[in-house]
Amino acid sequence: MKKPNTTQTTAPAQLNPDRGFSYSRPFFEGLVDSALAHAKKLGATDAGAEASEGCGLSVSVRKGELENVERNRDKSLGVTVYVGQRRGNASTSDFSQAAIEQTVQAAYDIARFTAEDPFAALPDAQDIAQPPEQRTDLELFFPWALTSEQAAAIAMSCEAHALKTDKRITNSEGAAVSAQQSHFFSAHTHGFRGGYASSRHSLSVSPIAGKGSGMQRDAWYSSQRNADELASPEAVGRYAAERALSRLNSRKIATTECPVLFESPLAAGLLGTFVQAISGGALYRKSSFLLDSLGKQVLPKHIDILEDPFVKRGKGSSPFDDEGVRVKARQVVEAGRVQGYFLGSYSARKLGMKTTGNAGGSHNLSLSSRLTRPGDDLDAMLEKLGTGLFVTELMGSGVNYVTGDYSRGASGFWVEKGRIAYPVHEITIAGNMKSMLKGITAVGADTYNYGAKTIGSVLVNRMKLAGS
C-alpha cells in the first residue's frame, strides 16, 4: 500500500468576501483595547484580552447519499484580569460595549475573591514577542471557498473510489470534507499586541471490507492548511480501501514477547506521550514518569527531537505562543538527552525556570534517528523488525503518566523473517514508556506528518503481547 501524497467600538468592517469572516482585524483591535481600558479603569493591576472568530463547513456522506451539512460560526471575547496576584477570567460572545464592560467586571470580581497565587501574572516583559519578531511569512491562512454541494461531491467521489477499489469492499462508514478557518487578535498590558488568521481543511473516508463476522474497517484522511495540497479524493479512497482489504482474515495470536513496529501515524502518538510527560503541568504537579529528566538520557543516543515554530504552512507553526511570548526553533532532545521542557509562563515559575514559549502546547516537532538511511522505507523497517508485530491501529488510551505503564488494544500484522505473514486483531500490547523510549532501535525514513508531529515508523525492541 502506498500512502497518497499527502475603547468605544464601531460597527464591524467586512473583510474581503473570499476570506469568509464577519469581523475585521481593526474591529477586533478596538474590542480588545476597550476591554483593557475598562479593566484599568476598574483598578486592575494587569489585564489581557483576546477577540476571535471561527467559521467553517463540514459535510458527510454515506453510500452515495448526503448525511450531514454543518456550518459553524462562532465568536468570542476572552478577558483575564489580575488584581495583584489574584487572577480572574470571563468571556462573552456579545460584542456590544455593555457586554464588554460586564465581562471585564465579571473577570475583575472573580479576581478580587480568588485566592492569591504567587505565580499568577502575565509573561515577563522581556519574553514578549514584539512586532519585528512576529513572523508574517508562515503562510497559515488559505480560505477554501467551498459550497456544500461541492464538498458533498468531493466526499462522494472519495467514497466511490474506495468502494470500487475491489468487490470485497462491501460497505462504508462514510466520507467527510471539512473546511475551517479562524482569526484572532490578542493584547495585554505588558506590551504584547498580535494576531493572525489560519485555516485547516481535511478529507476522510472509512470503508468496510468483507461480510458478516469477517468484516474489517479502516480509514484514511488528508489534512492541510491549503486545500490545494490535499491528496486527491481518488488517492484517499483507494488507500483507505487497500488498508481495509489488508485486514481481511485477521487472526488472533498467542501471548508472547517480541519487537513491535509502530506505523508512522501511531508513532506520532508515542511522541505525543513523551511531550506530555515533559510539559509544565505534569512536571510541577509531579504527575509525570519523566520528572527531573532535564539533561538526562531518556532516549537512545541516536535519537534527536527538533521543535520548529516557523515551518511554512506547518500545522504547529506560530509567530508567538498563546501568551504572546516569543518562540524559537530548538533541540528538545539531542543524542537522547532532554535539552528542554515545554513550559508556559505559569508552569515555568512553578518550576523556578524560564518559559520556553509553549503556552498552548508544542509547535512543529520532528523525531529522527541518526541511524536512519534514505532507503529505510516500510519494507526496510519490516526487515529490521524480523519476527514480531507491526501495529497499524491502537484502541483505548492506556497510558499512566505517573508510572509510565502503557497498555493498548491493538491490531496489525504478524511479521516473520521481515515479511508480513498475516493480519492480527484482538490483542493487547503492554510495556512501560520509560523502557519503550529507551528501547527504540530504529526510525524509518517513511516520515508522516500527523498534526504538528513528523515522524517515521518506530521500532521498539520488546513489548508484551496479550493474545489468545
Protein backbone atom coordinates (compact mmCIF):
# COMPACT_ATOMS: atom_id res chain seq x y z
CA MET A 1 0.00 0.00 0.00
CA LYS A 2 1.40 3.40 -0.94
CA LYS A 3 0.20 6.41 1.02
CA PRO A 4 -1.27 9.28 -1.03
CA ASN A 5 0.87 12.49 -1.29
CA THR A 6 -0.32 13.97 1.03
CA THR A 7 -12.44 51.95 23.87
CA GLN A 8 -15.92 52.55 22.08
CA THR A 9 -16.16 50.12 19.27
CA THR A 10 -17.60 50.76 15.85
CA ALA A 11 -19.65 48.55 13.58
CA PRO A 12 -17.66 45.63 12.18
CA ALA A 13 -15.85 46.30 8.92
CA GLN A 14 -16.48 43.49 6.47
CA LEU A 15 -13.37 41.76 5.22
CA ASN A 16 -12.95 40.59 1.65
CA PRO A 17 -15.83 38.18 0.91
CA ASP A 18 -13.45 35.40 -0.13
CA ARG A 19 -11.93 35.42 3.36
CA GLY A 20 -15.31 34.49 4.82
CA PHE A 21 -15.07 36.46 8.07
CA SER A 22 -17.67 38.80 9.54
CA TYR A 23 -15.23 40.91 11.56
CA SER A 24 -12.06 42.73 10.62
CA ARG A 25 -8.71 42.93 12.39
CA PRO A 26 -9.23 46.65 13.21
CA PHE A 27 -12.59 45.83 14.79
CA PHE A 28 -11.02 43.17 16.97
CA GLU A 29 -8.27 45.59 18.00
CA GLY A 30 -10.97 48.03 19.11
CA LEU A 31 -12.72 45.34 21.17
CA VAL A 32 -9.53 44.31 22.92
CA ASP A 33 -8.41 47.88 23.60
CA SER A 34 -11.83 48.70 25.02
CA ALA A 35 -11.66 45.71 27.37
CA LEU A 36 -8.15 46.57 28.57
CA ALA A 37 -9.07 50.21 29.14
CA HIS A 38 -12.10 49.23 31.22
CA ALA A 39 -10.02 46.80 33.27
CA LYS A 40 -7.57 49.57 34.12
CA LYS A 41 -10.47 51.88 34.96
CA LEU A 42 -11.76 49.32 37.48
CA GLY A 43 -8.35 49.17 39.14
CA ALA A 44 -6.84 46.01 37.66
CA THR A 45 -3.10 45.61 38.14
CA ASP A 46 -2.77 43.95 34.72
CA ALA A 47 -5.08 42.57 32.08
CA GLY A 48 -5.17 40.69 28.81
CA ALA A 49 -7.87 40.15 26.20
CA GLU A 50 -8.39 38.19 23.01
CA ALA A 51 -11.08 38.53 20.33
CA SER A 52 -11.56 35.66 17.92
CA GLU A 53 -13.84 34.35 15.21
CA GLY A 54 -14.06 30.96 13.55
CA CYS A 55 -16.20 29.62 10.73
CA GLY A 56 -16.38 26.59 8.54
CA LEU A 57 -18.27 23.92 6.66
CA SER A 58 -18.44 20.19 7.39
CA VAL A 59 -20.20 17.74 5.07
CA SER A 60 -20.53 13.97 5.45
CA VAL A 61 -21.91 11.36 3.06
CA ARG A 62 -22.52 7.63 3.22
CA LYS A 63 -23.24 5.11 0.48
CA GLY A 64 -23.52 7.90 -2.06
CA GLU A 65 -26.10 9.89 -0.09
CA LEU A 66 -25.77 13.14 1.79
CA GLU A 67 -25.90 12.65 5.56
CA ASN A 68 -24.97 15.91 7.26
CA VAL A 69 -24.22 19.51 6.36
CA GLU A 70 -23.00 21.71 9.16
CA ARG A 71 -21.98 25.34 9.02
CA ASN A 72 -20.31 26.71 12.11
CA ARG A 73 -19.61 30.31 13.01
CA ASP A 74 -18.55 31.38 16.47
CA LYS A 75 -17.03 34.44 18.05
CA SER A 76 -15.64 35.23 21.46
CA LEU A 77 -14.00 37.88 23.59
CA GLY A 78 -11.98 36.46 26.47
CA VAL A 79 -10.69 38.68 29.27
CA THR A 80 -8.13 37.94 32.00
CA VAL A 81 -7.80 40.41 34.89
CA TYR A 82 -5.13 40.49 37.59
CA VAL A 83 -5.64 42.19 40.94
CA GLY A 84 -2.22 41.82 42.49
CA GLN A 85 -1.55 38.10 42.33
CA ARG A 86 -5.20 37.17 42.03
CA ARG A 87 -6.50 36.23 38.61
CA GLY A 88 -9.99 36.17 37.10
CA ASN A 89 -11.26 35.10 33.67
CA ALA A 90 -14.52 35.73 31.83
CA SER A 91 -15.72 35.58 28.24
CA THR A 92 -18.63 36.64 26.06
CA SER A 93 -19.90 36.20 22.53
CA ASP A 94 -21.68 39.57 22.68
CA PHE A 95 -19.51 42.31 21.19
CA SER A 96 -21.62 45.26 22.38
CA GLN A 97 -19.95 47.85 24.60
CA ALA A 98 -22.25 46.98 27.51
CA ALA A 99 -21.34 43.28 27.22
CA ILE A 100 -17.63 44.10 27.09
CA GLU A 101 -17.86 46.10 30.30
CA GLN A 102 -19.94 43.40 32.02
CA THR A 103 -17.40 40.75 31.03
CA VAL A 104 -14.47 42.79 32.32
CA GLN A 105 -16.39 43.45 35.54
CA ALA A 106 -17.04 39.72 35.94
CA ALA A 107 -13.36 38.88 35.48
CA TYR A 108 -12.42 41.65 37.93
CA ASP A 109 -14.88 40.41 40.55
CA ILE A 110 -13.59 36.84 40.21
CA ALA A 111 -10.03 38.07 40.67
CA ARG A 112 -10.95 40.04 43.79
CA PHE A 113 -12.32 36.98 45.55
CA THR A 114 -9.92 34.34 44.22
CA ALA A 115 -7.13 33.05 46.43
CA GLU A 116 -3.78 34.71 45.90
CA ASP A 117 -1.39 32.77 43.68
CA PRO A 118 2.25 33.92 43.83
CA PHE A 119 2.86 32.58 40.32
CA ALA A 120 -0.15 34.25 38.67
CA ALA A 121 0.95 37.06 36.35
CA LEU A 122 1.31 38.00 32.73
CA PRO A 123 4.52 36.88 31.00
CA ASP A 124 7.61 38.89 31.86
CA ALA A 125 8.03 41.89 29.58
CA GLN A 126 11.43 40.71 28.32
CA ASP A 127 9.84 37.49 26.99
CA ILE A 128 7.16 39.21 24.90
CA ALA A 129 7.29 38.84 21.10
CA GLN A 130 7.48 42.35 19.68
CA PRO A 131 6.13 43.11 16.17
CA PRO A 132 9.53 42.81 14.42
CA GLU A 133 9.84 39.28 15.86
CA GLN A 134 6.35 38.19 14.82
CA ARG A 135 6.88 36.26 11.60
CA THR A 136 4.38 37.11 8.88
CA ASP A 137 5.72 34.70 6.24
CA LEU A 138 4.44 31.43 7.75
CA GLU A 139 1.58 31.04 5.21
CA LEU A 140 -1.02 29.80 7.67
CA PHE A 141 -4.20 31.06 6.01
CA PHE A 142 -5.74 29.65 2.83
CA PRO A 143 -9.52 30.17 2.73
CA TRP A 144 -11.41 27.49 0.83
CA ALA A 145 -14.44 28.98 -0.90
CA LEU A 146 -16.38 25.73 -0.91
CA THR A 147 -20.13 25.29 -1.28
CA SER A 148 -21.95 22.44 0.45
CA GLU A 149 -22.68 20.92 -2.98
CA GLN A 150 -19.01 20.98 -3.91
CA ALA A 151 -17.99 19.49 -0.57
CA ALA A 152 -20.55 16.70 -0.94
CA ALA A 153 -19.30 15.94 -4.45
CA ILE A 154 -15.71 15.63 -3.21
CA ALA A 155 -16.75 13.35 -0.33
CA MET A 156 -18.88 11.19 -2.63
CA SER A 157 -16.03 10.88 -5.10
CA CYS A 158 -13.69 9.77 -2.34
CA GLU A 159 -16.14 7.16 -1.07
CA ALA A 160 -16.95 5.95 -4.57
CA HIS A 161 -13.29 5.35 -5.34
CA ALA A 162 -12.96 3.38 -2.12
CA LEU A 163 -15.99 1.23 -2.94
CA LYS A 164 -14.85 0.45 -6.47
CA THR A 165 -11.29 -0.48 -5.48
CA ASP A 166 -12.26 -4.11 -5.01
CA LYS A 167 -15.53 -6.07 -4.93
CA ARG A 168 -14.64 -7.13 -1.39
CA ILE A 169 -15.24 -3.54 -0.25
CA THR A 170 -18.86 -4.12 0.74
CA ASN A 171 -19.86 -1.14 2.84
CA SER A 172 -18.80 2.24 4.13
CA GLU A 173 -18.97 4.22 7.34
CA GLY A 174 -18.92 7.32 5.16
CA ALA A 175 -16.69 10.10 3.89
CA ALA A 176 -16.36 13.69 5.05
CA VAL A 177 -14.98 17.04 3.95
CA SER A 178 -14.22 19.88 6.34
CA ALA A 179 -13.13 23.46 5.60
CA GLN A 180 -12.30 25.53 8.69
CA GLN A 181 -10.74 28.94 9.24
CA SER A 182 -10.32 31.41 12.09
CA HIS A 183 -8.60 34.63 13.10
CA PHE A 184 -7.89 36.46 16.34
CA PHE A 185 -6.27 39.50 17.90
CA SER A 186 -4.76 39.48 21.38
CA ALA A 187 -3.11 42.09 23.60
CA HIS A 188 -2.14 42.58 27.22
CA THR A 189 -0.75 45.28 29.46
CA HIS A 190 2.83 44.01 29.35
CA GLY A 191 3.10 45.30 25.81
CA PHE A 192 2.01 42.41 23.60
CA ARG A 193 -0.15 43.00 20.52
CA GLY A 194 -0.65 40.46 17.78
CA GLY A 195 -2.90 38.12 15.87
CA TYR A 196 -3.30 36.24 12.62
CA ALA A 197 -5.65 34.13 10.53
CA SER A 198 -5.28 30.38 9.99
CA SER A 199 -7.04 27.56 8.18
CA ARG A 200 -7.31 23.77 8.33
CA HIS A 201 -9.03 21.61 5.73
CA SER A 202 -9.50 17.85 5.54
CA LEU A 203 -10.90 14.91 3.58
CA SER A 204 -11.51 11.45 5.06
CA VAL A 205 -13.20 8.12 4.31
CA SER A 206 -13.80 4.87 6.20
CA PRO A 207 -14.59 1.80 4.02
CA ILE A 208 -15.55 -1.69 5.20
CA ALA A 209 -14.24 -4.89 3.63
CA GLY A 210 -15.71 -8.40 3.83
CA LYS A 211 -19.01 -9.72 5.11
CA GLY A 212 -20.58 -10.93 8.33
CA SER A 213 -18.24 -11.68 11.23
CA GLY A 214 -15.25 -11.32 8.92
CA MET A 215 -15.82 -7.63 8.20
CA GLN A 216 -12.90 -5.26 8.69
CA ARG A 217 -12.88 -1.46 8.72
CA ASP A 218 -10.08 1.00 8.16
CA ALA A 219 -9.80 4.66 7.24
CA TRP A 220 -7.55 7.31 5.79
CA TYR A 221 -7.55 11.06 5.57
CA SER A 222 -5.68 14.09 4.27
CA SER A 223 -5.37 17.36 6.20
CA GLN A 224 -3.67 20.59 5.11
CA ARG A 225 -3.82 24.33 5.66
CA ASN A 226 -4.11 24.77 1.88
CA ALA A 227 -6.87 22.73 0.22
CA ASP A 228 -4.82 22.63 -2.99
CA GLU A 229 -2.34 20.41 -1.15
CA LEU A 230 -4.89 17.81 -0.05
CA ALA A 231 -4.44 14.36 -1.52
CA SER A 232 -6.94 13.64 -4.28
CA PRO A 233 -10.27 12.00 -3.39
CA GLU A 234 -9.24 9.08 -5.59
CA ALA A 235 -5.96 8.54 -3.74
CA VAL A 236 -7.52 8.83 -0.26
CA GLY A 237 -10.38 6.49 -1.17
CA ARG A 238 -8.17 3.88 -2.79
CA TYR A 239 -5.61 3.84 0.03
CA ALA A 240 -8.32 3.57 2.71
CA ALA A 241 -9.80 0.61 0.81
CA GLU A 242 -6.42 -1.09 0.49
CA ARG A 243 -5.92 -0.75 4.23
CA ALA A 244 -9.31 -2.34 4.93
CA LEU A 245 -8.66 -5.17 2.46
CA SER A 246 -5.28 -5.93 4.01
CA ARG A 247 -7.03 -6.69 7.32
CA LEU A 248 -9.29 -9.43 5.98
CA ASN A 249 -8.86 -12.90 7.51
CA SER A 250 -7.27 -11.49 10.65
CA ARG A 251 -6.19 -13.96 13.29
CA LYS A 252 -5.57 -13.95 17.00
CA ILE A 253 -2.10 -14.76 18.21
CA ALA A 254 -0.76 -16.40 21.34
CA THR A 255 0.54 -14.32 24.23
CA THR A 256 4.23 -13.57 23.74
CA GLU A 257 7.01 -11.02 23.95
CA CYS A 258 8.52 -9.61 20.77
CA PRO A 259 9.71 -6.47 18.98
CA VAL A 260 6.94 -4.07 17.90
CA LEU A 261 6.99 -1.76 14.89
CA PHE A 262 4.62 1.21 15.18
CA GLU A 263 3.28 2.56 11.89
CA SER A 264 4.28 6.23 11.49
CA PRO A 265 0.85 7.77 12.36
CA LEU A 266 0.84 5.71 15.58
CA ALA A 267 4.47 6.57 16.29
CA ALA A 268 3.33 10.20 16.46
CA GLY A 269 1.27 9.14 19.47
CA LEU A 270 4.42 7.92 21.23
CA LEU A 271 5.99 11.29 20.56
CA GLY A 272 2.88 12.98 21.95
CA THR A 273 3.11 10.92 25.14
CA PHE A 274 6.74 11.98 25.56
CA VAL A 275 5.82 15.65 25.06
CA GLN A 276 3.07 15.49 27.66
CA ALA A 277 5.43 13.86 30.14
CA ILE A 278 7.93 16.75 29.89
CA SER A 279 5.31 19.52 29.82
CA GLY A 280 4.99 22.03 32.63
CA GLY A 281 1.63 20.99 34.10
CA ALA A 282 2.64 17.35 34.55
CA LEU A 283 6.05 18.33 35.91
CA TYR A 284 5.01 20.82 38.57
CA ARG A 285 2.18 18.53 39.69
CA LYS A 286 4.73 15.70 39.87
CA SER A 287 2.45 13.51 37.79
CA SER A 288 4.97 12.52 35.12
CA PHE A 289 7.13 9.44 34.64
CA LEU A 290 9.87 11.78 33.37
CA LEU A 291 10.28 14.02 36.42
CA ASP A 292 13.68 15.74 36.69
CA SER A 293 14.69 14.47 33.25
CA LEU A 294 16.35 17.68 32.05
CA GLY A 295 19.85 16.83 30.85
CA LYS A 296 19.25 13.13 31.33
CA GLN A 297 19.33 10.27 28.84
CA VAL A 298 15.73 9.16 28.27
CA LEU A 299 16.05 8.04 24.63
CA PRO A 300 18.83 6.20 22.77
CA LYS A 301 21.86 8.24 21.69
CA HIS A 302 20.79 8.06 18.04
CA ILE A 303 17.51 9.96 18.66
CA ASP A 304 17.01 13.73 18.21
CA ILE A 305 13.82 15.77 18.55
CA LEU A 306 13.56 19.22 16.98
CA GLU A 307 10.87 21.85 17.58
CA ASP A 308 10.40 24.49 14.87
CA PRO A 309 7.54 27.03 15.08
CA PHE A 310 8.50 28.58 11.74
CA VAL A 311 7.72 25.82 9.24
CA LYS A 312 5.77 27.39 6.38
CA ARG A 313 2.21 26.06 6.32
CA GLY A 314 3.04 23.88 9.33
CA LYS A 315 0.10 22.81 11.48
CA GLY A 316 2.05 23.73 14.59
CA SER A 317 3.51 26.97 13.26
CA SER A 318 3.00 30.28 15.05
CA PRO A 319 4.81 33.63 15.36
CA PHE A 320 4.30 33.56 19.16
CA ASP A 321 2.70 31.34 21.78
CA ASP A 322 -0.72 31.71 23.42
CA GLU A 323 0.65 34.26 25.89
CA GLY A 324 2.37 36.39 23.26
CA VAL A 325 5.80 35.06 24.21
CA ARG A 326 8.45 34.80 21.50
CA VAL A 327 9.08 31.34 20.09
CA LYS A 328 12.18 29.83 18.52
CA ALA A 329 13.44 26.67 16.89
CA ARG A 330 15.26 24.46 19.39
CA GLN A 331 16.62 21.00 20.01
CA VAL A 332 14.31 19.39 22.59
CA VAL A 333 16.29 16.14 22.62
CA GLU A 334 19.86 15.80 21.41
CA ALA A 335 21.55 12.41 21.27
CA GLY A 336 18.81 11.07 23.53
CA ARG A 337 19.25 13.70 26.26
CA VAL A 338 16.44 16.10 27.19
CA GLN A 339 17.60 19.66 26.43
CA GLY A 340 14.41 21.47 27.39
CA TYR A 341 10.87 21.12 28.69
CA PHE A 342 7.61 22.53 27.28
CA LEU A 343 6.72 25.46 29.53
CA GLY A 344 4.38 28.42 29.62
CA SER A 345 4.99 31.33 31.99
CA TYR A 346 2.94 29.90 34.86
CA SER A 347 4.45 26.42 34.84
CA ALA A 348 7.94 27.89 34.39
CA ARG A 349 7.52 30.00 37.51
CA LYS A 350 6.21 27.00 39.45
CA LEU A 351 9.37 25.11 38.48
CA GLY A 352 11.73 28.03 39.02
CA MET A 353 12.56 28.13 35.31
CA LYS A 354 12.01 30.33 32.25
CA THR A 355 9.15 29.97 29.78
CA THR A 356 10.01 28.09 26.59
CA GLY A 357 7.25 29.74 24.56
CA ASN A 358 4.96 26.72 24.77
CA ALA A 359 1.83 28.16 26.37
CA GLY A 360 -0.80 26.37 24.33
CA GLY A 361 1.38 23.35 23.59
CA SER A 362 4.26 22.26 21.40
CA HIS A 363 4.97 23.57 17.92
CA ASN A 364 6.10 21.53 14.91
CA LEU A 365 8.04 18.53 16.23
CA SER A 366 10.16 16.07 14.31
CA LEU A 367 11.76 12.95 15.76
CA SER A 368 14.68 11.49 13.84
CA SER A 369 17.35 8.85 14.23
CA ARG A 370 20.98 9.32 13.27
CA LEU A 371 20.92 5.69 12.11
CA THR A 372 18.16 6.22 9.53
CA ARG A 373 19.18 5.89 5.87
CA PRO A 374 17.24 7.27 2.86
CA GLY A 375 16.26 3.74 1.85
CA ASP A 376 14.73 2.84 5.21
CA ASP A 377 11.18 2.67 3.90
CA LEU A 378 8.46 0.50 5.44
CA ASP A 379 9.78 -2.66 3.75
CA ALA A 380 13.23 -1.99 5.19
CA MET A 381 11.72 -1.40 8.63
CA LEU A 382 9.86 -4.71 8.44
CA GLU A 383 13.20 -6.38 7.73
CA LYS A 384 14.66 -4.68 10.80
CA LEU A 385 11.67 -5.95 12.79
CA GLY A 386 12.42 -9.52 11.69
CA THR A 387 9.79 -11.52 13.57
CA GLY A 388 7.29 -9.56 15.61
CA LEU A 389 4.27 -7.29 15.46
CA PHE A 390 3.63 -4.43 13.04
CA VAL A 391 0.92 -2.26 14.66
CA THR A 392 -1.43 -0.23 12.44
CA GLU A 393 -4.28 0.53 14.85
CA LEU A 394 -4.45 1.26 18.57
CA MET A 395 -7.56 1.41 20.74
CA GLY A 396 -8.17 3.00 24.12
CA SER A 397 -5.95 5.44 25.98
CA GLY A 398 -3.99 3.20 28.29
CA VAL A 399 -1.07 5.37 29.38
CA ASN A 400 -0.43 6.04 33.07
CA TYR A 401 1.54 9.29 33.04
CA VAL A 402 2.62 8.90 36.65
CA THR A 403 4.19 5.45 36.31
CA GLY A 404 4.67 5.27 32.53
CA ASP A 405 2.73 1.99 32.31
CA TYR A 406 1.41 1.50 28.78
CA SER A 407 -1.38 -0.85 27.66
CA ARG A 408 -3.42 -0.52 24.48
CA GLY A 409 -5.70 -2.67 22.39
CA ALA A 410 -4.07 -3.22 19.01
CA SER A 411 -4.35 -4.74 15.57
CA GLY A 412 -1.93 -5.00 12.69
CA PHE A 413 0.21 -7.70 11.11
CA TRP A 414 2.37 -10.53 12.31
CA VAL A 415 5.74 -10.38 10.59
CA GLU A 416 8.10 -13.31 10.10
CA LYS A 417 11.64 -13.01 8.76
CA GLY A 418 10.96 -9.44 7.65
CA ARG A 419 7.79 -10.16 5.68
CA ILE A 420 4.12 -9.74 6.60
CA ALA A 421 2.72 -13.20 7.31
CA TYR A 422 -0.93 -12.40 8.16
CA PRO A 423 -3.14 -9.75 9.77
CA VAL A 424 -3.87 -9.98 13.51
CA HIS A 425 -6.53 -8.49 15.77
CA GLU A 426 -7.91 -8.56 19.32
CA ILE A 427 -4.55 -8.26 21.02
CA THR A 428 -3.16 -6.01 23.74
CA ILE A 429 0.35 -4.58 23.73
CA ALA A 430 1.90 -3.55 27.03
CA GLY A 431 5.10 -2.10 28.41
CA ASN A 432 6.43 0.92 30.25
CA MET A 433 7.10 4.18 28.44
CA LYS A 434 10.49 4.60 30.07
CA SER A 435 11.77 1.31 28.67
CA MET A 436 9.86 1.76 25.41
CA LEU A 437 11.53 5.12 24.75
CA LYS A 438 14.97 3.73 25.59
CA GLY A 439 14.17 0.65 23.53
CA ILE A 440 13.71 2.49 20.21
CA THR A 441 16.17 0.73 17.92
CA ALA A 442 15.23 2.28 14.58
CA VAL A 443 13.15 5.06 12.99
CA GLY A 444 12.02 4.76 9.39
CA ALA A 445 12.50 7.18 6.52
CA ASP A 446 8.76 6.73 5.86
CA THR A 447 8.03 10.04 7.60
CA TYR A 448 4.44 11.11 8.06
CA ASN A 449 3.03 14.39 9.35
CA TYR A 450 0.33 13.80 11.95
CA GLY A 451 -0.95 17.12 13.24
CA ALA A 452 2.12 19.05 14.32
CA LYS A 453 4.35 15.96 14.59
CA THR A 454 6.54 14.46 11.87
CA ILE A 455 7.97 11.00 12.42
CA GLY A 456 8.67 7.74 10.61
CA SER A 457 7.71 4.27 11.74
CA VAL A 458 9.32 3.39 15.09
CA LEU A 459 10.75 0.03 16.11
CA VAL A 460 10.69 -0.80 19.84
CA ASN A 461 12.91 -3.73 20.81
CA ARG A 462 10.49 -5.60 23.07
CA MET A 463 6.91 -5.43 24.36
CA LYS A 464 4.42 -7.85 25.86
CA LEU A 465 1.57 -9.07 23.65
CA ALA A 466 -1.55 -10.50 25.24
CA GLY A 467 -3.47 -12.63 22.77
CA SER A 468 -5.48 -15.83 22.88
